[in-house]
């Protein structure tokens, strides 16, 4: 077998989780992009107008506040009645976004058809204007419709190219995780190498040095006792 063939087989054995996962992820993403139901999006715009001069900062702050209220039940109630939907269903198809430096609120509506998205965006924008203007005397600002929603030319999702790229990226991630789970832990490999017997003829590493036991001290010499005194002769 040639060197190129051996290298290819070695790479295949090592990288087979990635080689298998990437095509599968790509096919799954492309299939989703081709088979998923299309969704359309349309945008309607509302502007916050201050009642007094020199209050542009106040208008921006109120735009931020009313943008968060665009998906709340008290605002969606009027739009839901106009569209013949429940507020829970309508809340899942609209959202409000704002700009940090402009008093403009963007209402985005989605639907399975372009006309449904336009109706949802315009109905929520109209309901938000009516809700905010009931308290304009207290807030000092009014909401005015800026631009009605236009019917989109094509669906906003799914996107075949984007979904295919996402599927391929997911395949790379899954394959890399599979490779990591197949590797032996470094600690286990090191432990096996440390317990392996030395090769024949290899020098044996010296063992730890042991100090010799200290020699016993010589026994203390007994003291020489004085010679016994002679016992005196009794008279």
Protein backbone atom coordinates (compact mmCIF):
# COMPACT_ATOMS: atom_id res chain seq x y z
CA UNK A 1 0.00 0.00 0.00
CA UNK A 2 1.33 3.45 -0.87
CA UNK A 3 2.21 6.03 1.76
CA UNK A 4 -0.72 8.20 0.64
CA UNK A 5 -3.17 5.36 1.14
CA UNK A 6 -1.85 4.61 4.62
CA UNK A 7 -2.10 8.28 5.57
CA UNK A 8 -5.67 8.45 4.29
CA UNK A 9 -6.65 5.36 6.30
CA UNK A 10 -5.04 6.78 9.44
CA UNK A 11 -6.88 10.07 9.04
CA UNK A 12 -10.16 8.26 8.41
CA UNK A 13 -9.77 6.16 11.57
CA UNK A 14 -9.06 9.26 13.62
CA UNK A 15 -11.49 11.76 12.09
CA UNK A 16 -14.41 9.49 11.19
CA UNK A 17 -16.84 11.18 13.66
CA UNK A 18 -16.36 14.53 11.90
CA UNK A 19 -16.39 12.95 8.43
CA UNK A 20 -19.73 11.31 9.26
CA UNK A 21 -21.39 14.14 11.21
CA UNK A 22 -20.71 17.04 8.83
CA UNK A 23 -22.54 15.60 5.78
CA UNK A 24 -25.43 14.48 7.96
CA UNK A 25 -25.75 17.93 9.54
CA UNK A 26 -25.54 19.61 6.14
CA UNK A 27 -28.28 17.39 4.72
CA UNK A 28 -30.48 17.97 7.78
CA UNK A 29 -30.12 21.76 7.51
CA UNK A 30 -30.79 21.76 3.78
CA UNK A 31 -33.81 19.51 4.25
CA UNK A 32 -35.25 21.83 6.89
CA UNK A 33 -34.74 24.84 4.65
CA UNK A 34 -36.53 23.13 1.76
CA UNK A 35 -39.40 21.50 3.66
CA UNK A 36 -40.23 23.96 6.45
CA UNK A 37 -43.31 26.15 6.07
CA UNK A 38 -42.41 29.70 4.96
CA UNK A 39 -42.91 32.63 7.30
CA UNK A 40 -43.37 36.25 6.21
CA UNK A 41 -42.55 39.42 8.17
CA UNK A 42 -43.82 43.01 7.78
CA UNK A 43 -42.89 46.16 9.70
CA UNK A 44 -45.08 49.06 10.77
CA UNK A 45 -43.59 52.22 12.37
CA UNK A 46 -44.85 54.57 15.07
CA UNK A 47 -43.14 57.79 16.24
CA UNK A 48 -43.32 59.42 19.66
CA UNK A 49 -43.90 63.19 19.43
CA UNK A 50 -43.25 65.43 22.48
CA UNK A 51 -45.90 68.04 23.35
CA UNK A 52 -43.37 70.65 24.45
CA UNK A 53 -40.27 71.99 22.68
CA UNK A 54 -36.86 70.68 23.65
CA UNK A 55 -38.11 67.36 25.00
CA UNK A 56 -36.56 65.01 22.47
CA UNK A 57 -34.82 63.00 25.21
CA UNK A 58 -38.17 62.48 26.91
CA UNK A 59 -39.66 61.23 23.63
CA UNK A 60 -36.84 58.70 23.24
CA UNK A 61 -37.38 57.42 26.77
CA UNK A 62 -41.11 57.00 26.21
CA UNK A 63 -40.42 55.23 22.91
CA UNK A 64 -38.32 52.69 24.81
CA UNK A 65 -41.12 52.19 27.32
CA UNK A 66 -43.93 51.86 24.76
CA UNK A 67 -41.81 49.51 22.65
CA UNK A 68 -41.71 47.08 25.58
CA UNK A 69 -45.50 47.36 25.95
CA UNK A 70 -46.20 46.48 22.32
CA UNK A 71 -46.48 42.77 23.10
CA UNK A 72 -48.44 43.08 26.34
CA UNK A 73 -52.09 41.99 26.67
CA UNK A 74 -53.40 45.51 27.39
CA UNK A 75 -52.09 46.65 24.00
CA UNK A 76 -52.85 43.45 22.09
CA UNK A 77 -56.48 43.28 23.23
CA UNK A 78 -57.72 45.82 20.64
CA UNK A 79 -55.64 44.30 17.82
CA UNK A 80 -56.78 40.77 18.69
CA UNK A 81 -60.42 41.83 18.51
CA UNK A 82 -59.83 43.44 15.11
CA UNK A 83 -58.02 40.39 13.70
CA UNK A 84 -60.30 37.80 15.28
CA UNK A 85 -57.47 36.11 17.20
CA UNK A 86 -56.69 35.56 20.85
CA UNK A 87 -54.11 37.73 22.58
CA UNK A 88 -51.97 34.64 23.29
CA UNK A 89 -51.79 33.72 19.59
CA UNK A 90 -51.16 37.31 18.54
CA UNK A 91 -48.38 37.72 21.12
CA UNK A 92 -46.43 34.98 19.38
CA UNK A 93 -46.58 36.71 16.00
CA UNK A 94 -45.66 40.34 16.82
CA UNK A 95 -42.83 42.14 18.59
CA UNK A 96 -41.79 45.74 19.16
CA UNK A 97 -38.24 47.08 18.80
CA UNK A 98 -36.84 50.55 19.40
CA UNK A 99 -33.76 52.61 18.62
CA UNK A 100 -31.52 53.98 21.41
CA UNK A 101 -31.30 57.43 19.79
CA UNK A 102 -34.59 57.92 17.91
CA UNK A 103 -38.20 58.07 19.21
CA UNK A 104 -39.39 55.45 16.71
CA UNK A 105 -41.06 52.12 17.50
CA UNK A 106 -40.94 49.31 14.95
CA UNK A 107 -43.77 46.78 15.12
CA UNK A 108 -42.95 43.53 13.34
CA UNK A 109 -45.72 41.12 12.44
CA UNK A 110 -45.24 37.59 11.12
CA UNK A 111 -47.55 35.15 9.40
CA UNK A 112 -47.77 32.27 6.98
CA UNK A 113 -48.76 34.75 4.27
CA UNK A 114 -47.55 38.25 3.52
CA UNK A 115 -51.04 39.71 3.98
CA UNK A 116 -51.33 38.16 7.45
CA UNK A 117 -48.04 39.72 8.50
CA UNK A 118 -49.13 43.15 7.25
CA UNK A 119 -52.47 42.99 9.04
CA UNK A 120 -50.87 41.93 12.32
CA UNK A 121 -48.23 44.69 12.26
CA UNK A 122 -50.70 47.46 11.37
CA UNK A 123 -53.32 46.31 13.88
CA UNK A 124 -50.82 46.24 16.77
CA UNK A 125 -49.39 49.64 15.77
CA UNK A 126 -52.91 51.12 15.72
CA UNK A 127 -53.73 49.58 19.09
CA UNK A 128 -50.47 50.89 20.61
CA UNK A 129 -51.21 54.43 19.41
CA UNK A 130 -54.69 54.33 20.93
CA UNK A 131 -53.42 52.89 24.22
CA UNK A 132 -50.62 55.47 24.62
CA UNK A 133 -52.65 58.54 23.65
CA UNK A 134 -55.21 57.95 26.39
CA UNK A 135 -52.60 59.18 28.87
CA UNK A 136 -50.86 61.82 26.72
CA UNK A 137 -51.79 64.62 29.15
CA UNK A 138 -49.90 62.88 31.92
CA UNK A 139 -46.92 61.76 29.83
CA UNK A 140 -46.56 64.89 27.70
CA UNK A 141 -46.05 62.84 24.50
CA UNK A 142 -48.25 61.48 21.74
CA UNK A 143 -47.84 58.49 19.42
CA UNK A 144 -48.38 59.07 15.72
CA UNK A 145 -48.35 56.44 12.93
CA UNK A 146 -45.23 56.97 10.85
CA UNK A 147 -45.39 54.30 8.12
CA UNK A 148 -47.79 51.45 7.46
CA UNK A 149 -46.51 47.95 6.79
CA UNK A 150 -45.74 46.92 3.23
CA UNK A 151 -46.35 43.39 1.96
CA UNK A 152 -43.04 41.50 1.80
CA UNK A 153 -41.75 40.23 -1.52
CA UNK A 154 -40.61 36.89 -0.12
CA UNK A 155 -40.53 34.82 3.07
CA UNK A 156 -38.18 35.83 5.84
CA UNK A 157 -37.62 32.22 6.85
CA UNK A 158 -36.55 29.57 6.27
CA UNK A 159 -33.36 30.35 4.36
CA UNK A 160 -31.87 27.31 2.61
CA UNK A 161 -28.34 28.72 2.58
CA UNK A 162 -28.42 29.78 6.22
CA UNK A 163 -29.99 26.55 7.43
CA UNK A 164 -27.47 24.48 5.45
CA UNK A 165 -24.57 26.41 7.01
CA UNK A 166 -26.05 25.97 10.49
CA UNK A 167 -26.45 22.23 9.91
CA UNK A 168 -22.83 21.90 8.76
CA UNK A 169 -21.59 23.83 11.81
CA UNK A 170 -23.65 21.60 14.09
CA UNK A 171 -22.11 18.55 12.40
CA UNK A 172 -18.59 19.86 13.06
CA UNK A 173 -19.47 20.40 16.73
CA UNK A 174 -21.00 16.96 17.17
CA UNK A 175 -18.08 15.28 15.39
CA UNK A 176 -15.53 17.10 17.53
CA UNK A 177 -17.36 16.02 20.67
CA UNK A 178 -17.34 12.43 19.39
CA UNK A 179 -13.57 12.58 18.85
CA UNK A 180 -13.02 13.91 22.35
CA UNK A 181 -14.97 11.06 23.91
CA UNK A 182 -12.86 8.47 22.02
CA UNK A 183 -9.52 9.72 23.30
CA UNK A 184 -7.84 8.03 26.26
CA UNK A 185 -7.40 10.27 29.25
CA UNK A 186 -3.84 11.54 29.58
CA UNK A 187 -3.70 10.46 33.23
CA UNK A 188 -4.52 6.85 32.39
CA UNK A 189 -1.83 6.71 29.68
CA UNK A 190 0.77 8.12 32.04
CA UNK A 191 -0.14 5.63 34.74
CA UNK A 192 0.20 2.71 32.30
CA UNK A 193 3.59 3.92 31.14
CA UNK A 194 4.88 4.30 34.70
CA UNK A 195 3.93 0.74 35.67
CA UNK A 196 5.38 -0.89 32.54
CA UNK A 197 8.36 -3.20 33.05
CA UNK A 198 11.73 -1.94 31.77
CA UNK A 199 12.96 -3.30 28.46
CA UNK A 200 15.52 -6.14 28.57
CA UNK A 201 19.06 -4.85 28.82
CA UNK A 202 17.95 -1.40 29.91
CA UNK A 203 19.81 -0.01 32.94
CA UNK A 204 17.83 -0.30 36.11
CA UNK A 205 17.50 3.06 37.81
CA UNK A 206 19.11 3.15 41.22
CA UNK A 207 16.75 2.82 44.09
CA UNK A 208 16.54 5.21 46.98
CA UNK A 209 19.62 5.34 49.16
CA UNK A 210 19.24 3.92 52.62
CA UNK A 211 21.46 5.02 55.43
CA UNK A 212 23.13 2.17 57.38
CA UNK A 213 21.87 1.57 60.83
CA UNK A 214 24.09 3.22 63.42
CA UNK A 215 26.46 0.83 65.24
CA UNK A 216 25.40 0.09 68.78
CA UNK A 217 27.29 2.05 71.33
CA UNK A 218 29.76 -0.03 73.44
CA UNK A 219 28.43 -0.98 76.78
CA UNK A 220 29.65 1.19 79.55
CA UNK A 221 32.50 -0.46 81.41
CA UNK A 222 31.63 -1.43 84.91
CA UNK A 223 33.24 0.60 87.58
CA UNK A 224 36.09 -1.17 89.40
CA UNK A 225 34.98 -1.65 92.93
CA UNK A 226 37.33 -1.21 95.78
CA UNK A 227 38.82 -4.39 97.18
CA UNK A 228 36.76 -5.77 100.00
CA UNK A 229 37.92 -4.82 103.35
CA UNK A 230 39.18 -7.58 105.56
CA UNK A 231 36.93 -8.33 108.38
CA UNK A 232 38.42 -7.44 111.74
CA UNK A 233 39.29 -10.24 114.24
CA UNK A 234 37.15 -10.09 117.25
CA UNK A 235 39.01 -10.06 120.59
